[in-house]
C-alpha atoms as a PDB file:
ATOM      1  CA  MET A   1     -52.510 -19.818   2.902  1.00  0.00           C
ATOM      2  CA  LEU A   2     -50.256 -16.542   2.574  1.00  0.00           C
ATOM      3  CA  PHE A   3     -49.851 -15.675   6.148  1.00  0.00           C
ATOM      4  CA  GLY A   4     -49.384 -19.072   7.901  1.00  0.00           C
ATOM      5  CA  CYS A   5     -46.418 -20.218   6.191  1.00  0.00           C
ATOM      6  CA  THR A   6     -44.739 -22.429   8.656  1.00  0.00           C
ATOM      7  CA  THR A   7     -41.421 -23.382   6.641  1.00  0.00           C
ATOM      8  CA  ALA A   8     -38.302 -20.937   6.707  1.00  0.00           C
ATOM      9  CA  PRO A   9     -36.736 -19.814   3.646  1.00  0.00           C
ATOM     10  CA  GLN A  10     -33.859 -21.956   2.559  1.00  0.00           C
ATOM     11  CA  GLY A  11     -31.186 -19.097   2.188  1.00  0.00           C
ATOM     12  CA  LYS A  12     -27.667 -18.950   3.357  1.00  0.00           C
ATOM     13  CA  GLN A  13     -26.954 -17.711   6.865  1.00  0.00           C
ATOM     14  CA  THR A  14     -24.774 -14.707   6.812  1.00  0.00           C
ATOM     15  CA  ASN A  15     -21.905 -14.500   9.334  1.00  0.00           C
ATOM     16  CA  PRO A  16     -22.804 -11.449  11.605  1.00  0.00           C
ATOM     17  CA  PHE A  17     -19.249 -10.303  11.423  1.00  0.00           C
ATOM     18  CA  VAL A  18     -19.545  -9.769   7.847  1.00  0.00           C
ATOM     19  CA  SER A  19     -22.355  -7.418   8.301  1.00  0.00           C
ATOM     20  CA  ILE A  20     -20.416  -5.443  11.147  1.00  0.00           C
ATOM     21  CA  LEU A  21     -16.977  -5.462   9.362  1.00  0.00           C
ATOM     22  CA  PRO A  22     -17.880  -2.195   7.162  1.00  0.00           C
ATOM     23  CA  LEU A  23     -18.791  -0.421  10.305  1.00  0.00           C
ATOM     24  CA  ILE A  24     -15.343  -1.485  11.839  1.00  0.00           C
ATOM     25  CA  LEU A  25     -13.410  -0.392   8.768  1.00  0.00           C
ATOM     26  CA  ILE A  26     -15.144   2.995   8.717  1.00  0.00           C
ATOM     27  CA  PHE A  27     -14.432   3.555  12.479  1.00  0.00           C
ATOM     28  CA  LEU A  28     -10.740   2.533  11.967  1.00  0.00           C
ATOM     29  CA  VAL A  29     -10.349   4.981   9.104  1.00  0.00           C
ATOM     30  CA  PHE A  30     -11.933   7.794  11.074  1.00  0.00           C
ATOM     31  CA  TYR A  31      -9.717   7.022  14.075  1.00  0.00           C
ATOM     32  CA  PHE A  32      -6.298   6.981  12.064  1.00  0.00           C
ATOM     33  CA  LEU A  33      -7.486  10.033   9.896  1.00  0.00           C
ATOM     34  CA  LEU A  34      -9.239  12.343  12.530  1.00  0.00           C
ATOM     35  CA  ILE A  35      -8.993  11.224  16.143  1.00  0.00           C
ATOM     36  CA  TYR A  36      -5.334  10.016  16.493  1.00  0.00           C
ATOM     37  CA  PRO A  37      -3.779  12.998  14.920  1.00  0.00           C
ATOM     38  CA  LYS A  38      -5.903  15.372  17.056  1.00  0.00           C
ATOM     39  CA  SER A  39      -4.907  13.629  20.284  1.00  0.00           C
ATOM     40  CA  LYS A  40      -1.202  13.789  19.261  1.00  0.00           C
ATOM     41  CA  GLU A  41      -1.454  17.350  18.579  1.00  0.00           C
ATOM     42  CA  GLN A  42      -3.155  18.003  21.804  1.00  0.00           C
ATOM     43  CA  LYS A  43      -0.540  16.182  23.684  1.00  0.00           C
ATOM     44  CA  LYS A  44       2.115  18.171  21.974  1.00  0.00           C
ATOM     45  CA  HIS A  45       0.422  21.426  23.027  1.00  0.00           C
ATOM     46  CA  ARG A  46       0.020  20.295  26.668  1.00  0.00           C
ATOM     47  CA  LEU A  47       3.810  19.593  26.771  1.00  0.00           C
ATOM     48  CA  LEU A  48       4.632  22.947  25.151  1.00  0.00           C
ATOM     49  CA  LEU A  49       2.582  24.812  27.772  1.00  0.00           C
ATOM     50  CA  SER A  50       3.947  22.766  30.554  1.00  0.00           C
ATOM     51  CA  LYS A  51       7.429  24.013  29.586  1.00  0.00           C
ATOM     52  CA  LEU A  52       6.419  27.590  29.551  1.00  0.00           C
ATOM     53  CA  LYS A  53       8.719  29.783  31.609  1.00  0.00           C
ATOM     54  CA  LYS A  54       9.371  33.384  32.255  1.00  0.00           C
ATOM     55  CA  GLY A  55      11.093  35.200  29.540  1.00  0.00           C
ATOM     56  CA  ASP A  56       9.831  33.088  26.642  1.00  0.00           C
ATOM     57  CA  GLN A  57       8.182  34.961  23.739  1.00  0.00           C
ATOM     58  CA  VAL A  58       4.831  33.596  22.834  1.00  0.00           C
ATOM     59  CA  ILE A  59       1.974  34.184  20.348  1.00  0.00           C
ATOM     60  CA  LEU A  60      -1.670  33.978  21.358  1.00  0.00           C
ATOM     61  CA  SER A  61      -4.508  32.416  19.268  1.00  0.00           C
ATOM     62  CA  CYS A  62      -5.710  35.952  18.687  1.00  0.00           C
ATOM     63  CA  GLY A  63      -2.427  37.106  17.090  1.00  0.00           C
ATOM     64  CA  ILE A  64      -1.008  38.951  20.275  1.00  0.00           C
ATOM     65  CA  HIS A  65       2.829  38.724  20.566  1.00  0.00           C
ATOM     66  CA  GLY A  66       4.337  39.056  24.141  1.00  0.00           C
ATOM     67  CA  ARG A  67       6.915  37.968  26.667  1.00  0.00           C
ATOM     68  CA  VAL A  68       6.087  35.928  29.509  1.00  0.00           C
ATOM     69  CA  VAL A  69       6.646  37.729  32.977  1.00  0.00           C
ATOM     70  CA  GLY A  70       4.953  35.257  35.147  1.00  0.00           C
ATOM     71  CA  VAL A  71       3.259  31.815  35.051  1.00  0.00           C
ATOM     72  CA  THR A  72       0.866  30.019  37.227  1.00  0.00           C
ATOM     73  CA  ASP A  73      -1.167  26.864  36.804  1.00  0.00           C
ATOM     74  CA  LYS A  74      -3.748  28.204  34.306  1.00  0.00           C
ATOM     75  CA  ILE A  75      -2.641  31.746  33.795  1.00  0.00           C
ATOM     76  CA  ALA A  76       0.365  33.391  32.052  1.00  0.00           C
ATOM     77  CA  VAL A  77       1.219  37.106  32.476  1.00  0.00           C
ATOM     78  CA  LEU A  78       2.477  38.617  29.382  1.00  0.00           C
ATOM     79  CA  ARG A  79       4.202  41.956  28.643  1.00  0.00           C
ATOM     80  CA  ILE A  80       2.971  43.214  25.307  1.00  0.00           C
ATOM     81  CA  ALA A  81       4.512  46.763  25.428  1.00  0.00           C
ATOM     82  CA  GLU A  82       6.373  48.954  27.837  1.00  0.00           C
ATOM     83  CA  ASN A  83       4.232  48.927  31.125  1.00  0.00           C
ATOM     84  CA  VAL A  84       1.544  47.009  29.676  1.00  0.00           C
ATOM     85  CA  LYS A  85       0.866  43.519  30.970  1.00  0.00           C
ATOM     86  CA  ILE A  86      -1.989  41.299  30.463  1.00  0.00           C
ATOM     87  CA  GLU A  87      -3.161  37.939  31.969  1.00  0.00           C
ATOM     88  CA  VAL A  88      -4.025  35.158  29.631  1.00  0.00           C
ATOM     89  CA  GLU A  89      -5.255  31.648  30.033  1.00  0.00           C
ATOM     90  CA  LYS A  90      -2.355  29.412  29.094  1.00  0.00           C
ATOM     91  CA  GLY A  91      -4.505  27.346  26.570  1.00  0.00           C
ATOM     92  CA  HIS A  92      -4.638  30.360  24.305  1.00  0.00           C
ATOM     93  CA  ILE A  93      -0.811  30.375  23.814  1.00  0.00           C
ATOM     94  CA  VAL A  94      -0.237  28.870  20.345  1.00  0.00           C
ATOM     95  CA  THR A  95       3.443  29.330  19.793  1.00  0.00           C
ATOM     96  CA  VAL A  96       6.454  29.516  22.062  1.00  0.00           C
ATOM     97  CA  MET A  97       9.681  31.064  20.903  1.00  0.00           C
ATOM     98  CA  LYS A  98      12.302  30.564  23.366  1.00  0.00           C
ATOM     99  CA  SER A  99      14.430  33.684  24.252  1.00  0.00           C
END
């Protein structure tokens, strides 16, 4: 009788933790190589933007250089040339060079 086998195979029972261990190790590697450094970098960038003040020289993500003439919660007003001011979102500021 092929399909009516009532006895279970006599193999070893594997520990469920052993089968999940590779997935846990892969997650840990991804966390420490990708997720943790990125979150640390984002935290550093938020701190940089929170300390932004009038008179700082900044560089935007598009490469525009300017001097901060006004700062609000989400917007920074930059002077990029004589009588030329632009409003940018603070998130686009990449580098702050103190004046």
